[in-house]
Amino acid sequence: MSGGRRFPKGQISRISGSHNPGTDRFHILVSNNFRTLRHPLNPL
C-alpha cells in the first residue's frame, strides 16, 4: 500500500482513519476469518 505517498498529508490521515470503507471491510474480513477458524463445525 505504497500508493498513499501520492496524497497530501491531510488526505493520508483521512484515508488511514477508521472511516475508510476499504479498511473497515478488511478488518471485517479478517475478523470473520478468525471466527471461522475458531468455529467448532469448521472441517479444517
C-alpha atoms as a PDB file:
ATOM      1  CA  MET A   1       0.000   0.000   0.000  1.00  0.00           C
ATOM      2  CA  SER A   2       2.732   2.454  -1.024  1.00  0.00           C
ATOM      3  CA  GLY A   3       0.236   4.427  -3.129  1.00  0.00           C
ATOM      4  CA  GLY A   4      -0.536   6.604  -0.091  1.00  0.00           C
ATOM      5  CA  ARG A   5       2.506   8.743  -0.892  1.00  0.00           C
ATOM      6  CA  ARG A   6       0.621  10.342  -3.781  1.00  0.00           C
ATOM      7  CA  PHE A   7      -1.836  12.019  -1.408  1.00  0.00           C
ATOM      8  CA  PRO A   8      -1.154  15.087   0.756  1.00  0.00           C
ATOM      9  CA  LYS A   9      -0.615  14.568   4.483  1.00  0.00           C
ATOM     10  CA  GLY A  10      -4.152  15.684   5.281  1.00  0.00           C
ATOM     11  CA  GLN A  11      -5.602  13.109   2.914  1.00  0.00           C
ATOM     12  CA  ILE A  12      -3.325  10.363   4.241  1.00  0.00           C
ATOM     13  CA  SER A  13      -4.626  10.866   7.787  1.00  0.00           C
ATOM     14  CA  ARG A  14      -8.187  10.830   6.445  1.00  0.00           C
ATOM     15  CA  ILE A  15      -7.610   7.684   4.350  1.00  0.00           C
ATOM     16  CA  SER A  16      -5.886   5.819   7.183  1.00  0.00           C
ATOM     17  CA  GLY A  17      -8.743   6.704   9.532  1.00  0.00           C
ATOM     18  CA  SER A  18     -11.373   4.255  10.733  1.00  0.00           C
ATOM     19  CA  HIS A  19     -13.920   5.818   8.355  1.00  0.00           C
ATOM     20  CA  ASN A  20     -12.240   4.210   5.345  1.00  0.00           C
ATOM     21  CA  PRO A  21     -14.700   1.627   3.927  1.00  0.00           C
ATOM     22  CA  GLY A  22     -11.834  -0.400   2.459  1.00  0.00           C
ATOM     23  CA  THR A  23     -10.083  -0.670   5.828  1.00  0.00           C
ATOM     24  CA  ASP A  24     -13.345  -1.465   7.612  1.00  0.00           C
ATOM     25  CA  ARG A  25     -14.100  -4.149   5.019  1.00  0.00           C
ATOM     26  CA  PHE A  26     -10.605  -5.598   5.506  1.00  0.00           C
ATOM     27  CA  HIS A  27     -10.987  -5.742   9.294  1.00  0.00           C
ATOM     28  CA  ILE A  28     -14.430  -7.338   8.897  1.00  0.00           C
ATOM     29  CA  LEU A  29     -12.999  -9.997   6.576  1.00  0.00           C
ATOM     30  CA  VAL A  30     -10.123 -10.696   8.969  1.00  0.00           C
ATOM     31  CA  SER A  31     -12.443 -10.955  11.979  1.00  0.00           C
ATOM     32  CA  ASN A  32     -14.759 -13.239  10.000  1.00  0.00           C
ATOM     33  CA  ASN A  33     -11.802 -15.424   9.007  1.00  0.00           C
ATOM     34  CA  PHE A  34     -10.669 -15.758  12.631  1.00  0.00           C
ATOM     35  CA  ARG A  35     -14.243 -16.508  13.676  1.00  0.00           C
ATOM     36  CA  THR A  36     -14.477 -19.230  11.007  1.00  0.00           C
ATOM     37  CA  LEU A  37     -11.148 -20.739  12.071  1.00  0.00           C
ATOM     38  CA  ARG A  38     -12.348 -20.947  15.676  1.00  0.00           C
ATOM     39  CA  HIS A  39     -15.735 -22.356  14.671  1.00  0.00           C
ATOM     40  CA  PRO A  40     -16.163 -25.900  16.061  1.00  0.00           C
ATOM     41  CA  LEU A  41     -18.011 -27.025  12.914  1.00  0.00           C
ATOM     42  CA  ASN A  42     -15.140 -25.952  10.671  1.00  0.00           C
ATOM     43  CA  PRO A  43     -13.815 -29.106   8.883  1.00  0.00           C
ATOM     44  CA  LEU A  44     -10.326 -27.586   8.827  1.00  0.00           C
END
